[in-house]
Amino acid sequence: MTNTGTSAKAAPVATALLLSSDDATVKQISDGLEQFAVTVEVCGDPASAMLSLNRHHFEAVIIDLQLGDHACEVLERVRFAPSNHNAATFAVTAGGVESTRAFDAGSNFVLERPLSPEAIHRSFRVAYGLIMRERRRYFRCPATLPAVLRSHEGGELQCKTLNISENGMALSAPIALKPGSEVLVAFSLPDMPGRFTAESRICWSDGTGRMGLQFLNLSADKKTELQSWLARRLEEVLPETVANKFH
């Protein structure tokens, strides 16, 4: 891993939703996540938490079951939120039956009261792989690389990538293409063998040549190579304070 900072407060690399109305719980969990460069959005009631889940993507969701049945319902519904069904989920419980209920509702991890910094740190360290895997799925790596778009009619357009993700890329082209158009994109990645080609669909265009496309049929081998490349790029932006926890 490449160390990118020495600040005690690491720049965030992931985001968590925390549903709790208990100030002490909010502080303990927020402090614990900050050590892993995860920023926290706090919701004090189940209704606002559901609104956030439906509007935003989170790599982790922490639900305080002290808020009762409605909080447990939020935990159950995380798996049905379109952008959050793969998020790492935690439940804060009083232990015993409540912990069993949390696991039945779909929680990956349980934090039992009384909370301690050591227990919180241990749980987040174990869960960090899940959190970062989910972050990688949505990670858009800034990259300026040559790319070629080929239409089905045979025309070619020389472009530059703006960012690359698992499922597509943003790029800049001399002319704008119409959203919905299907093209073949070809590009190479630094330190990766071979060339990537994929049938793709233009998802958006701002009319000036900047546009986004979705890969439609990147081969399984190339998808694995792209995931590995993105994982390494994501590791490079981990702050030193976080990277050192895993040495």
C-alpha atoms as a PDB file:
ATOM      1  CA  MET A   1       0.000   0.000   0.000  1.00  0.00           C
ATOM      2  CA  THR A   2       1.108   3.513  -0.742  1.00  0.00           C
ATOM      3  CA  ASN A   3       0.973   5.864   2.202  1.00  0.00           C
ATOM      4  CA  THR A   4      -0.793   9.055   1.236  1.00  0.00           C
ATOM      5  CA  GLY A   5      -0.966  11.003   4.464  1.00  0.00           C
ATOM      6  CA  THR A   6       0.219  11.297   8.015  1.00  0.00           C
ATOM      7  CA  SER A   7      -2.606  13.345   9.483  1.00  0.00           C
ATOM      8  CA  ALA A   8      -4.221  11.982  12.627  1.00  0.00           C
ATOM      9  CA  LYS A   9      -7.600  12.554  10.986  1.00  0.00           C
ATOM     10  CA  ALA A  10      -7.659  10.516   7.791  1.00  0.00           C
ATOM     11  CA  ALA A  11      -9.411  11.747   4.664  1.00  0.00           C
ATOM     12  CA  PRO A  12     -12.588   9.652   4.235  1.00  0.00           C
ATOM     13  CA  VAL A  13     -12.523   6.775   1.760  1.00  0.00           C
ATOM     14  CA  ALA A  14     -15.980   5.348   2.572  1.00  0.00           C
ATOM     15  CA  THR A  15     -19.292   6.433   4.088  1.00  0.00           C
ATOM     16  CA  ALA A  16     -21.510   4.842   6.746  1.00  0.00           C
ATOM     17  CA  LEU A  17     -25.091   5.523   7.805  1.00  0.00           C
ATOM     18  CA  LEU A  18     -25.635   5.432  11.561  1.00  0.00           C
ATOM     19  CA  LEU A  19     -29.178   5.279  12.957  1.00  0.00           C
ATOM     20  CA  SER A  20     -29.097   6.191  16.649  1.00  0.00           C
ATOM     21  CA  SER A  21     -30.512   8.874  18.934  1.00  0.00           C
ATOM     22  CA  ASP A  22     -28.059   8.155  21.755  1.00  0.00           C
ATOM     23  CA  ASP A  23     -25.297  10.764  21.860  1.00  0.00           C
ATOM     24  CA  ALA A  24     -22.775   8.482  23.553  1.00  0.00           C
ATOM     25  CA  THR A  25     -23.347   5.711  20.993  1.00  0.00           C
ATOM     26  CA  VAL A  26     -23.052   8.163  18.111  1.00  0.00           C
ATOM     27  CA  LYS A  27     -19.748   9.495  19.431  1.00  0.00           C
ATOM     28  CA  GLN A  28     -18.218   6.081  20.146  1.00  0.00           C
ATOM     29  CA  ILE A  29     -19.104   4.652  16.744  1.00  0.00           C
ATOM     30  CA  SER A  30     -18.196   7.814  14.830  1.00  0.00           C
ATOM     31  CA  ASP A  31     -14.811   7.928  16.576  1.00  0.00           C
ATOM     32  CA  GLY A  32     -14.251   4.254  15.812  1.00  0.00           C
ATOM     33  CA  LEU A  33     -15.094   4.626  12.127  1.00  0.00           C
ATOM     34  CA  GLU A  34     -12.958   7.754  11.789  1.00  0.00           C
ATOM     35  CA  GLN A  35      -9.920   5.612  12.599  1.00  0.00           C
ATOM     36  CA  PHE A  36     -10.665   3.662   9.410  1.00  0.00           C
ATOM     37  CA  ALA A  37     -11.261   6.775   7.282  1.00  0.00           C
ATOM     38  CA  VAL A  38     -15.010   6.130   7.163  1.00  0.00           C
ATOM     39  CA  THR A  39     -17.189   9.215   7.450  1.00  0.00           C
ATOM     40  CA  VAL A  40     -20.574   8.940   9.181  1.00  0.00           C
ATOM     41  CA  GLU A  41     -24.009  10.306   8.340  1.00  0.00           C
ATOM     42  CA  VAL A  42     -26.124  10.239  11.507  1.00  0.00           C
ATOM     43  CA  CYS A  43     -29.912   9.832  11.468  1.00  0.00           C
ATOM     44  CA  GLY A  44     -31.817  10.164  14.733  1.00  0.00           C
ATOM     45  CA  ASP A  45     -35.006   8.392  13.660  1.00  0.00           C
ATOM     46  CA  PRO A  46     -35.954   5.451  11.392  1.00  0.00           C
ATOM     47  CA  ALA A  47     -37.903   7.568   8.889  1.00  0.00           C
ATOM     48  CA  SER A  48     -34.941   9.810   8.061  1.00  0.00           C
ATOM     49  CA  ALA A  49     -32.660   6.751   7.893  1.00  0.00           C
ATOM     50  CA  MET A  50     -34.913   5.116   5.289  1.00  0.00           C
ATOM     51  CA  LEU A  51     -34.964   8.341   3.297  1.00  0.00           C
ATOM     52  CA  SER A  52     -31.148   8.410   3.245  1.00  0.00           C
ATOM     53  CA  LEU A  53     -30.931   4.729   2.306  1.00  0.00           C
ATOM     54  CA  ASN A  54     -33.205   5.319  -0.669  1.00  0.00           C
ATOM     55  CA  ARG A  55     -31.317   8.406  -1.833  1.00  0.00           C
ATOM     56  CA  HIS A  56     -27.636   7.672  -1.157  1.00  0.00           C
ATOM     57  CA  HIS A  57     -25.081   4.887  -1.298  1.00  0.00           C
ATOM     58  CA  PHE A  58     -23.297   3.732   1.864  1.00  0.00           C
ATOM     59  CA  GLU A  59     -20.554   1.169   2.341  1.00  0.00           C
ATOM     60  CA  ALA A  60     -21.757   0.389   5.884  1.00  0.00           C
ATOM     61  CA  VAL A  61     -25.026   0.761   7.802  1.00  0.00           C
ATOM     62  CA  ILE A  62     -25.177   0.726  11.619  1.00  0.00           C
ATOM     63  CA  ILE A  63     -28.583   0.430  13.318  1.00  0.00           C
ATOM     64  CA  ASP A  64     -29.152   1.013  17.036  1.00  0.00           C
ATOM     65  CA  LEU A  65     -31.932  -1.386  18.049  1.00  0.00           C
ATOM     66  CA  GLN A  66     -32.506   0.689  21.179  1.00  0.00           C
ATOM     67  CA  LEU A  67     -34.890   2.631  18.922  1.00  0.00           C
ATOM     68  CA  GLY A  68     -37.255  -0.356  18.841  1.00  0.00           C
ATOM     69  CA  ASP A  69     -39.184  -2.255  16.175  1.00  0.00           C
ATOM     70  CA  HIS A  70     -38.970   0.484  13.563  1.00  0.00           C
ATOM     71  CA  ALA A  71     -35.162   0.398  13.782  1.00  0.00           C
ATOM     72  CA  CYS A  72     -35.227  -3.371  13.225  1.00  0.00           C
ATOM     73  CA  GLU A  73     -37.451  -2.804  10.191  1.00  0.00           C
ATOM     74  CA  VAL A  74     -34.829  -0.442   8.767  1.00  0.00           C
ATOM     75  CA  LEU A  75     -32.203  -3.162   9.258  1.00  0.00           C
ATOM     76  CA  GLU A  76     -34.390  -5.648   7.395  1.00  0.00           C
ATOM     77  CA  ARG A  77     -35.020  -3.215   4.548  1.00  0.00           C
ATOM     78  CA  VAL A  78     -31.356  -2.397   3.912  1.00  0.00           C
ATOM     79  CA  ARG A  79     -31.164  -5.479   1.682  1.00  0.00           C
ATOM     80  CA  PHE A  80     -33.969  -4.089  -0.484  1.00  0.00           C
ATOM     81  CA  ALA A  81     -32.478  -0.614  -0.923  1.00  0.00           C
ATOM     82  CA  PRO A  82     -31.250  -0.570  -4.550  1.00  0.00           C
ATOM     83  CA  SER A  83     -27.900   1.099  -3.829  1.00  0.00           C
ATOM     84  CA  ASN A  84     -27.253  -0.458  -0.419  1.00  0.00           C
ATOM     85  CA  HIS A  85     -28.188  -4.124  -0.512  1.00  0.00           C
ATOM     86  CA  ASN A  86     -24.503  -5.125  -0.376  1.00  0.00           C
ATOM     87  CA  ALA A  87     -23.519  -2.730   2.421  1.00  0.00           C
ATOM     88  CA  ALA A  88     -21.855  -4.173   5.537  1.00  0.00           C
ATOM     89  CA  THR A  89     -24.508  -4.038   8.280  1.00  0.00           C
ATOM     90  CA  PHE A  90     -24.070  -3.699  12.034  1.00  0.00           C
ATOM     91  CA  ALA A  91     -26.630  -3.751  14.832  1.00  0.00           C
ATOM     92  CA  VAL A  92     -26.088  -2.182  18.248  1.00  0.00           C
ATOM     93  CA  THR A  93     -27.901  -4.399  20.746  1.00  0.00           C
ATOM     94  CA  ALA A  94     -28.343  -5.147  24.427  1.00  0.00           C
ATOM     95  CA  GLY A  95     -27.139  -8.707  23.780  1.00  0.00           C
ATOM     96  CA  GLY A  96     -29.030 -11.965  24.159  1.00  0.00           C
ATOM     97  CA  VAL A  97     -32.335 -12.215  22.306  1.00  0.00           C
ATOM     98  CA  GLU A  98     -31.837  -8.800  20.730  1.00  0.00           C
ATOM     99  CA  SER A  99     -28.578  -9.936  19.135  1.00  0.00           C
ATOM    100  CA  THR A 100     -30.294 -13.049  17.759  1.00  0.00           C
ATOM    101  CA  ARG A 101     -33.029 -10.854  16.339  1.00  0.00           C
ATOM    102  CA  ALA A 102     -30.427  -8.620  14.699  1.00  0.00           C
ATOM    103  CA  PHE A 103     -28.786 -11.538  12.904  1.00  0.00           C
ATOM    104  CA  ASP A 104     -32.223 -12.826  11.832  1.00  0.00           C
ATOM    105  CA  ALA A 105     -32.950  -9.375  10.384  1.00  0.00           C
ATOM    106  CA  GLY A 106     -29.838  -9.594   8.214  1.00  0.00           C
ATOM    107  CA  SER A 107     -27.110  -7.910  10.248  1.00  0.00           C
ATOM    108  CA  ASN A 108     -23.565  -9.002   9.381  1.00  0.00           C
ATOM    109  CA  PHE A 109     -22.157  -7.911  12.745  1.00  0.00           C
ATOM    110  CA  VAL A 110     -23.441  -7.133  16.233  1.00  0.00           C
ATOM    111  CA  LEU A 111     -22.041  -4.557  18.666  1.00  0.00           C
ATOM    112  CA  GLU A 112     -23.285  -5.376  22.164  1.00  0.00           C
ATOM    113  CA  ARG A 113     -23.684  -2.853  24.942  1.00  0.00           C
ATOM    114  CA  PRO A 114     -21.856  -1.719  26.960  1.00  0.00           C
ATOM    115  CA  LEU A 115     -19.800  -0.540  23.993  1.00  0.00           C
ATOM    116  CA  SER A 116     -16.053  -0.169  24.329  1.00  0.00           C
ATOM    117  CA  PRO A 117     -13.506   1.381  21.962  1.00  0.00           C
ATOM    118  CA  GLU A 118     -11.660  -1.963  21.816  1.00  0.00           C
ATOM    119  CA  ALA A 119     -14.768  -3.950  20.793  1.00  0.00           C
ATOM    120  CA  ILE A 120     -15.801  -1.352  18.214  1.00  0.00           C
ATOM    121  CA  HIS A 121     -12.293  -1.277  16.725  1.00  0.00           C
ATOM    122  CA  ARG A 122     -12.147  -5.082  16.595  1.00  0.00           C
ATOM    123  CA  SER A 123     -15.504  -5.349  14.793  1.00  0.00           C
ATOM    124  CA  PHE A 124     -14.708  -2.636  12.256  1.00  0.00           C
ATOM    125  CA  ARG A 125     -11.302  -4.153  11.560  1.00  0.00           C
ATOM    126  CA  VAL A 126     -12.904  -7.532  10.801  1.00  0.00           C
ATOM    127  CA  ALA A 127     -15.560  -5.869   8.636  1.00  0.00           C
ATOM    128  CA  TYR A 128     -13.195  -3.583   6.747  1.00  0.00           C
ATOM    129  CA  GLY A 129     -12.730  -6.009   3.876  1.00  0.00           C
ATOM    130  CA  LEU A 130     -16.486  -6.008   3.239  1.00  0.00           C
ATOM    131  CA  ILE A 131     -16.623  -2.224   3.492  1.00  0.00           C
ATOM    132  CA  MET A 132     -13.790  -1.748   1.016  1.00  0.00           C
ATOM    133  CA  ARG A 133     -15.156  -4.374  -1.388  1.00  0.00           C
ATOM    134  CA  GLU A 134     -18.390  -2.411  -1.511  1.00  0.00           C
ATOM    135  CA  ARG A 135     -16.436   0.835  -1.896  1.00  0.00           C
ATOM    136  CA  ARG A 136     -14.575  -0.667  -4.846  1.00  0.00           C
ATOM    137  CA  ARG A 137     -17.860  -1.483  -6.606  1.00  0.00           C
ATOM    138  CA  TYR A 138     -18.692   2.232  -6.709  1.00  0.00           C
ATOM    139  CA  PHE A 139     -15.126   3.551  -6.881  1.00  0.00           C
ATOM    140  CA  ARG A 140     -14.493   5.855  -9.850  1.00  0.00           C
ATOM    141  CA  CYS A 141     -10.752   6.026 -10.289  1.00  0.00           C
ATOM    142  CA  PRO A 142      -9.573   9.283 -11.873  1.00  0.00           C
ATOM    143  CA  ALA A 143      -7.541   8.346 -14.941  1.00  0.00           C
ATOM    144  CA  THR A 144      -6.552  10.185 -18.114  1.00  0.00           C
ATOM    145  CA  LEU A 145      -5.862   7.492 -20.695  1.00  0.00           C
ATOM    146  CA  PRO A 146      -6.387   7.147 -24.452  1.00  0.00           C
ATOM    147  CA  ALA A 147      -9.481   5.224 -25.511  1.00  0.00           C
ATOM    148  CA  VAL A 148     -11.136   4.465 -28.829  1.00  0.00           C
ATOM    149  CA  LEU A 149     -14.866   4.317 -29.491  1.00  0.00           C
ATOM    150  CA  ARG A 150     -16.005   2.346 -32.534  1.00  0.00           C
ATOM    151  CA  SER A 151     -19.521   2.559 -33.872  1.00  0.00           C
ATOM    152  CA  HIS A 152     -21.285  -0.402 -35.469  1.00  0.00           C
ATOM    153  CA  GLU A 153     -21.079   1.492 -38.749  1.00  0.00           C
ATOM    154  CA  GLY A 154     -17.271   1.394 -38.550  1.00  0.00           C
ATOM    155  CA  GLY A 155     -16.453   4.940 -37.493  1.00  0.00           C
ATOM    156  CA  GLU A 156     -13.774   5.578 -34.850  1.00  0.00           C
ATOM    157  CA  LEU A 157     -13.503   8.305 -32.264  1.00  0.00           C
ATOM    158  CA  GLN A 158     -10.277   9.005 -30.353  1.00  0.00           C
ATOM    159  CA  CYS A 159     -11.107   9.879 -26.728  1.00  0.00           C
ATOM    160  CA  LYS A 160      -9.574  10.407 -23.297  1.00  0.00           C
ATOM    161  CA  THR A 161     -10.878   8.705 -20.179  1.00  0.00           C
ATOM    162  CA  LEU A 162     -11.825  10.865 -17.185  1.00  0.00           C
ATOM    163  CA  ASN A 163     -12.466   8.074 -14.691  1.00  0.00           C
ATOM    164  CA  ILE A 164     -12.913   4.299 -14.700  1.00  0.00           C
ATOM    165  CA  SER A 165     -15.102   2.042 -12.537  1.00  0.00           C
ATOM    166  CA  GLU A 166     -15.990  -1.653 -12.505  1.00  0.00           C
ATOM    167  CA  ASN A 167     -19.021  -1.054 -14.675  1.00  0.00           C
ATOM    168  CA  GLY A 168     -18.036   1.747 -17.012  1.00  0.00           C
ATOM    169  CA  MET A 169     -16.171   4.998 -17.497  1.00  0.00           C
ATOM    170  CA  ALA A 170     -16.506   8.697 -18.117  1.00  0.00           C
ATOM    171  CA  LEU A 171     -14.595  10.132 -21.032  1.00  0.00           C
ATOM    172  CA  SER A 172     -14.088  13.158 -23.203  1.00  0.00           C
ATOM    173  CA  ALA A 173     -14.500  13.003 -26.977  1.00  0.00           C
ATOM    174  CA  PRO A 174     -14.192  15.514 -29.824  1.00  0.00           C
ATOM    175  CA  ILE A 175     -17.941  15.264 -30.476  1.00  0.00           C
ATOM    176  CA  ALA A 176     -20.943  14.351 -28.355  1.00  0.00           C
ATOM    177  CA  LEU A 177     -22.691  11.026 -28.814  1.00  0.00           C
ATOM    178  CA  LYS A 178     -26.356  10.453 -28.145  1.00  0.00           C
ATOM    179  CA  PRO A 179     -27.343   8.675 -24.887  1.00  0.00           C
ATOM    180  CA  GLY A 180     -28.529   5.160 -25.677  1.00  0.00           C
ATOM    181  CA  SER A 181     -26.023   4.701 -28.508  1.00  0.00           C
ATOM    182  CA  GLU A 182     -24.075   1.435 -28.400  1.00  0.00           C
ATOM    183  CA  VAL A 183     -20.358   1.458 -29.190  1.00  0.00           C
ATOM    184  CA  LEU A 184     -17.274  -0.700 -28.759  1.00  0.00           C
ATOM    185  CA  VAL A 185     -14.743   0.856 -26.389  1.00  0.00           C
ATOM    186  CA  ALA A 186     -11.066  -0.142 -26.404  1.00  0.00           C
ATOM    187  CA  PHE A 187      -8.473   1.002 -23.870  1.00  0.00           C
ATOM    188  CA  SER A 188      -5.404  -0.122 -21.924  1.00  0.00           C
ATOM    189  CA  LEU A 189      -4.622   0.236 -18.230  1.00  0.00           C
ATOM    190  CA  PRO A 190      -1.196   1.114 -16.787  1.00  0.00           C
ATOM    191  CA  ASP A 191       0.743  -1.950 -15.584  1.00  0.00           C
ATOM    192  CA  MET A 192      -1.867  -4.335 -17.034  1.00  0.00           C
ATOM    193  CA  PRO A 193      -1.183  -6.662 -19.981  1.00  0.00           C
ATOM    194  CA  GLY A 194      -3.306  -6.658 -23.097  1.00  0.00           C
ATOM    195  CA  ARG A 195      -6.116  -4.401 -24.196  1.00  0.00           C
ATOM    196  CA  PHE A 196      -9.625  -4.089 -22.815  1.00  0.00           C
ATOM    197  CA  THR A 197     -12.543  -4.083 -25.254  1.00  0.00           C
ATOM    198  CA  ALA A 198     -16.227  -4.073 -24.401  1.00  0.00           C
ATOM    199  CA  GLU A 199     -19.550  -3.421 -26.043  1.00  0.00           C
ATOM    200  CA  SER A 200     -20.882  -0.386 -24.198  1.00  0.00           C
ATOM    201  CA  ARG A 201     -23.857   1.930 -24.007  1.00  0.00           C
ATOM    202  CA  ILE A 202     -23.702   5.722 -23.706  1.00  0.00           C
ATOM    203  CA  CYS A 203     -25.561   6.534 -20.462  1.00  0.00           C
ATOM    204  CA  TRP A 204     -25.244  10.302 -20.399  1.00  0.00           C
ATOM    205  CA  SER A 205     -23.752  13.159 -22.377  1.00  0.00           C
ATOM    206  CA  ASP A 206     -23.399  16.804 -21.450  1.00  0.00           C
ATOM    207  CA  GLY A 207     -23.428  17.910 -25.087  1.00  0.00           C
ATOM    208  CA  THR A 208     -19.796  19.087 -25.075  1.00  0.00           C
ATOM    209  CA  GLY A 209     -18.132  15.695 -25.609  1.00  0.00           C
ATOM    210  CA  ARG A 210     -18.042  14.591 -21.982  1.00  0.00           C
ATOM    211  CA  MET A 211     -20.051  11.421 -21.536  1.00  0.00           C
ATOM    212  CA  GLY A 212     -20.436   8.281 -19.486  1.00  0.00           C
ATOM    213  CA  LEU A 213     -20.733   4.737 -20.736  1.00  0.00           C
ATOM    214  CA  GLN A 214     -21.689   1.395 -19.216  1.00  0.00           C
ATOM    215  CA  PHE A 215     -19.854  -1.817 -20.097  1.00  0.00           C
ATOM    216  CA  LEU A 216     -22.284  -4.381 -21.482  1.00  0.00           C
ATOM    217  CA  ASN A 217     -20.127  -7.467 -22.004  1.00  0.00           C
ATOM    218  CA  LEU A 218     -16.622  -7.119 -20.568  1.00  0.00           C
ATOM    219  CA  SER A 219     -15.202 -10.646 -20.480  1.00  0.00           C
ATOM    220  CA  ALA A 220     -14.937 -12.417 -17.120  1.00  0.00           C
ATOM    221  CA  ASP A 221     -11.118 -12.443 -17.293  1.00  0.00           C
ATOM    222  CA  LYS A 222     -10.907  -8.765 -18.122  1.00  0.00           C
ATOM    223  CA  LYS A 223     -13.475  -7.899 -15.457  1.00  0.00           C
ATOM    224  CA  THR A 224     -11.327  -9.680 -12.869  1.00  0.00           C
ATOM    225  CA  GLU A 225      -8.237  -7.791 -14.102  1.00  0.00           C
ATOM    226  CA  LEU A 226     -10.112  -4.481 -13.916  1.00  0.00           C
ATOM    227  CA  GLN A 227     -11.317  -5.249 -10.376  1.00  0.00           C
ATOM    228  CA  SER A 228      -7.755  -6.055  -9.304  1.00  0.00           C
ATOM    229  CA  TRP A 229      -6.438  -2.839 -10.856  1.00  0.00           C
ATOM    230  CA  LEU A 230      -9.135  -0.760  -9.146  1.00  0.00           C
ATOM    231  CA  ALA A 231      -8.479  -2.498  -5.811  1.00  0.00           C
ATOM    232  CA  ARG A 232      -4.809  -1.527  -6.007  1.00  0.00           C
ATOM    233  CA  ARG A 233      -5.682   2.069  -6.886  1.00  0.00           C
ATOM    234  CA  LEU A 234      -8.087   2.188  -3.950  1.00  0.00           C
ATOM    235  CA  GLU A 235      -5.421   0.836  -1.594  1.00  0.00           C
ATOM    236  CA  GLU A 236      -3.101   3.602  -2.729  1.00  0.00           C
ATOM    237  CA  VAL A 237      -5.467   6.271  -1.408  1.00  0.00           C
ATOM    238  CA  LEU A 238      -5.756   4.672   2.032  1.00  0.00           C
ATOM    239  CA  PRO A 239      -4.213   7.032   4.589  1.00  0.00           C
ATOM    240  CA  GLU A 240      -1.135   5.809   6.446  1.00  0.00           C
ATOM    241  CA  THR A 241      -3.061   5.733   9.709  1.00  0.00           C
ATOM    242  CA  VAL A 242      -5.459   3.186   8.196  1.00  0.00           C
ATOM    243  CA  ALA A 243      -2.945   1.144   6.199  1.00  0.00           C
ATOM    244  CA  ASN A 244      -0.797   0.606   9.321  1.00  0.00           C
ATOM    245  CA  LYS A 245      -3.686  -1.181  11.062  1.00  0.00           C
ATOM    246  CA  PHE A 246      -3.368  -4.078   8.651  1.00  0.00           C
ATOM    247  CA  HIS A 247       0.416  -4.534   8.704  1.00  0.00           C
END
